[in-house]
Amino acid sequence: MFFVPVTRNAYELSRSWDRLFDDSLFDRLVSPIKSLNNMEARSPALEVTEGEQDYTVKVDLPGMSKEDVKISVDGRRVTVEASSSKNEEKKEGDRILYTERSIASFSRSFTLPLEIDQAQSSAKMDNGVLTLSLAKRTAGEAKQLTIR
């Protein structure tokens, strides 16, 4: 706890209060909890565009390989999950002094306006960017029913 002199004006008092709760203080308090889990949750950047026949989804996944990514499609709902593991390449006798590299995982779901045709859809990973080409499911041909 600290004391604020009475002679300060309201603006300076407000700035002191803001500095108490700034991001760096929050990070210092939360980082020990993160390191205990050794798991960092991330939400990747996402871009969805619509064409006449399909949707194109781009997801930024830096540091992930295509083996780390799982994509599932259920009707209009698309889920992208990824999990990377810590790759320890330590020489004998070396010790880690400081590290920010950790296990990372996430799951991101979104719903599209139309259902997806999984058979016509594709995915590719290039330079840390996952690109999904999700084909829109077309309505089946109209059939006439015969009255018996």
Protein backbone atom coordinates (compact mmCIF):
# COMPACT_ATOMS: atom_id res chain seq x y z
CA MET A 1 0.00 0.00 0.00
CA PHE A 2 1.22 3.52 -0.67
CA PHE A 3 0.11 6.93 0.49
CA VAL A 4 -0.65 9.78 -1.86
CA PRO A 5 0.17 13.30 -0.62
CA VAL A 6 -2.88 15.50 -0.14
CA THR A 7 -1.35 18.30 -2.25
CA ARG A 8 -1.67 16.38 -5.51
CA ASN A 9 -4.48 17.33 -7.82
CA ALA A 10 -7.15 14.85 -8.98
CA TYR A 11 -5.43 14.21 -12.33
CA GLU A 12 -2.17 13.09 -10.74
CA LEU A 13 -4.06 10.92 -8.27
CA SER A 14 -5.96 9.31 -11.14
CA ARG A 15 -2.70 8.58 -13.02
CA SER A 16 -1.18 7.00 -9.91
CA TRP A 17 -4.21 4.76 -9.56
CA ASP A 18 -4.04 3.77 -13.25
CA ARG A 19 -0.36 2.90 -12.96
CA LEU A 20 -1.17 0.59 -10.06
CA PHE A 21 -3.40 -1.50 -12.33
CA ASP A 22 -1.46 -1.29 -15.58
CA ASP A 23 -0.88 -4.31 -17.84
CA SER A 24 2.64 -5.00 -16.64
CA LEU A 25 1.48 -5.45 -13.04
CA PHE A 26 -1.28 -7.76 -14.21
CA ASP A 27 1.19 -9.78 -16.32
CA ARG A 28 3.57 -10.11 -13.38
CA LEU A 29 0.78 -11.47 -11.20
CA VAL A 30 -0.63 -13.87 -13.80
CA SER A 31 2.62 -15.19 -15.35
CA PRO A 32 3.45 -17.49 -12.40
CA ILE A 33 0.04 -19.10 -12.84
CA LYS A 34 0.66 -19.58 -16.57
CA SER A 35 4.05 -21.13 -15.95
CA LEU A 36 2.52 -23.60 -13.48
CA ASN A 37 0.21 -24.91 -16.17
CA ASN A 38 2.88 -24.59 -18.85
CA MET A 39 -0.05 -24.05 -21.18
CA GLU A 40 -0.84 -20.77 -22.92
CA ALA A 41 -4.26 -20.22 -24.48
CA ARG A 42 -4.25 -18.26 -27.70
CA SER A 43 -6.94 -17.14 -30.07
CA PRO A 44 -5.57 -16.93 -33.61
CA ALA A 45 -6.48 -14.27 -36.12
CA LEU A 46 -9.24 -15.37 -38.47
CA GLU A 47 -10.50 -14.10 -41.84
CA VAL A 48 -13.61 -15.46 -43.58
CA THR A 49 -14.55 -14.51 -47.14
CA GLU A 50 -17.49 -15.73 -49.22
CA GLY A 51 -17.50 -16.62 -52.89
CA GLU A 52 -20.36 -17.89 -55.04
CA GLN A 53 -19.55 -21.57 -54.49
CA ASP A 54 -17.51 -21.59 -51.28
CA TYR A 55 -16.17 -19.87 -48.18
CA THR A 56 -12.46 -19.21 -47.76
CA VAL A 57 -11.17 -19.15 -44.20
CA LYS A 58 -7.62 -18.11 -43.30
CA VAL A 59 -6.31 -18.75 -39.79
CA ASP A 60 -2.90 -17.54 -38.57
CA LEU A 61 -1.11 -20.41 -36.80
CA PRO A 62 2.53 -19.38 -36.40
CA GLY A 63 4.75 -22.17 -35.13
CA MET A 64 2.19 -24.91 -35.81
CA SER A 65 2.67 -27.75 -38.24
CA LYS A 66 -0.14 -29.38 -40.19
CA GLU A 67 0.13 -32.44 -37.92
CA ASP A 68 -0.77 -30.23 -34.93
CA VAL A 69 -4.05 -29.00 -36.47
CA LYS A 70 -7.46 -30.70 -36.39
CA ILE A 71 -10.43 -29.37 -38.39
CA SER A 72 -13.98 -30.59 -37.95
CA VAL A 73 -17.11 -29.59 -39.84
CA ASP A 74 -20.61 -30.29 -38.56
CA GLY A 75 -23.27 -28.79 -40.81
CA ARG A 76 -22.64 -25.03 -40.68
CA ARG A 77 -20.30 -25.18 -37.66
CA VAL A 78 -16.53 -25.28 -38.24
CA THR A 79 -14.03 -25.97 -35.44
CA VAL A 80 -10.27 -25.52 -35.74
CA GLU A 81 -8.15 -26.99 -32.94
CA ALA A 82 -4.38 -26.96 -32.62
CA SER A 83 -1.90 -28.03 -30.01
CA SER A 84 1.86 -27.72 -30.16
CA SER A 85 4.30 -29.37 -27.85
CA LYS A 86 7.51 -28.00 -26.45
CA ASN A 87 10.40 -29.25 -28.53
CA GLU A 88 13.31 -29.63 -26.18
CA GLU A 89 16.65 -29.63 -27.97
CA LYS A 90 19.01 -29.26 -25.06
CA LYS A 91 22.67 -30.13 -25.11
CA GLU A 92 24.03 -32.00 -22.17
CA GLY A 93 25.30 -29.57 -19.56
CA ASP A 94 23.12 -26.68 -20.79
CA ARG A 95 20.58 -25.11 -18.49
CA ILE A 96 17.72 -22.82 -19.36
CA LEU A 97 18.10 -19.36 -17.86
CA TYR A 98 14.91 -17.87 -19.28
CA THR A 99 12.23 -19.11 -21.66
CA GLU A 100 8.98 -17.82 -23.11
CA ARG A 101 8.43 -20.89 -25.26
CA SER A 102 5.73 -23.18 -23.97
CA ILE A 103 3.05 -25.60 -24.94
CA ALA A 104 0.23 -23.79 -26.71
CA SER A 105 -3.23 -24.95 -27.64
CA PHE A 106 -6.51 -23.44 -28.76
CA SER A 107 -9.90 -24.24 -30.14
CA ARG A 108 -11.83 -21.80 -32.31
CA SER A 109 -15.37 -22.41 -33.58
CA PHE A 110 -17.58 -20.36 -35.86
CA THR A 111 -20.86 -20.82 -37.69
CA LEU A 112 -21.31 -20.05 -41.39
CA PRO A 113 -24.60 -19.03 -43.05
CA LEU A 114 -24.89 -22.22 -45.17
CA GLU A 115 -24.02 -25.87 -44.60
CA ILE A 116 -20.63 -27.14 -45.78
CA ASP A 117 -20.06 -29.99 -48.24
CA GLN A 118 -17.15 -31.86 -46.63
CA ALA A 119 -16.43 -33.96 -49.72
CA GLN A 120 -15.77 -30.86 -51.84
CA SER A 121 -13.86 -28.90 -49.17
CA SER A 122 -10.08 -28.75 -48.74
CA ALA A 123 -7.42 -27.40 -46.38
CA LYS A 124 -3.78 -26.43 -46.80
CA MET A 125 -1.09 -25.06 -44.51
CA ASP A 126 1.54 -22.67 -45.84
CA ASN A 127 4.01 -20.59 -43.79
CA GLY A 128 1.92 -20.71 -40.62
CA VAL A 129 -1.35 -19.82 -42.37
CA LEU A 130 -4.12 -22.41 -42.56
CA THR A 131 -6.37 -21.86 -45.60
CA LEU A 132 -9.70 -23.66 -45.71
CA SER A 133 -11.77 -23.79 -48.86
CA LEU A 134 -15.22 -24.80 -47.62
CA ALA A 135 -17.67 -25.66 -50.42
CA LYS A 136 -21.27 -24.63 -49.90
CA ARG A 137 -23.72 -27.53 -49.89
CA THR A 138 -26.06 -27.16 -52.83
CA ALA A 139 -29.70 -28.09 -52.60
CA GLY A 140 -30.53 -31.41 -54.16
CA GLU A 141 -32.62 -31.65 -57.28
CA ALA A 142 -36.30 -31.20 -56.70
CA LYS A 143 -38.16 -34.46 -57.13
CA GLN A 144 -41.82 -34.93 -57.75
CA LEU A 145 -43.77 -37.29 -55.64
CA THR A 146 -46.37 -39.45 -57.24
CA ILE A 147 -49.66 -39.75 -55.51
CA ARG A 148 -50.77 -43.37 -55.16
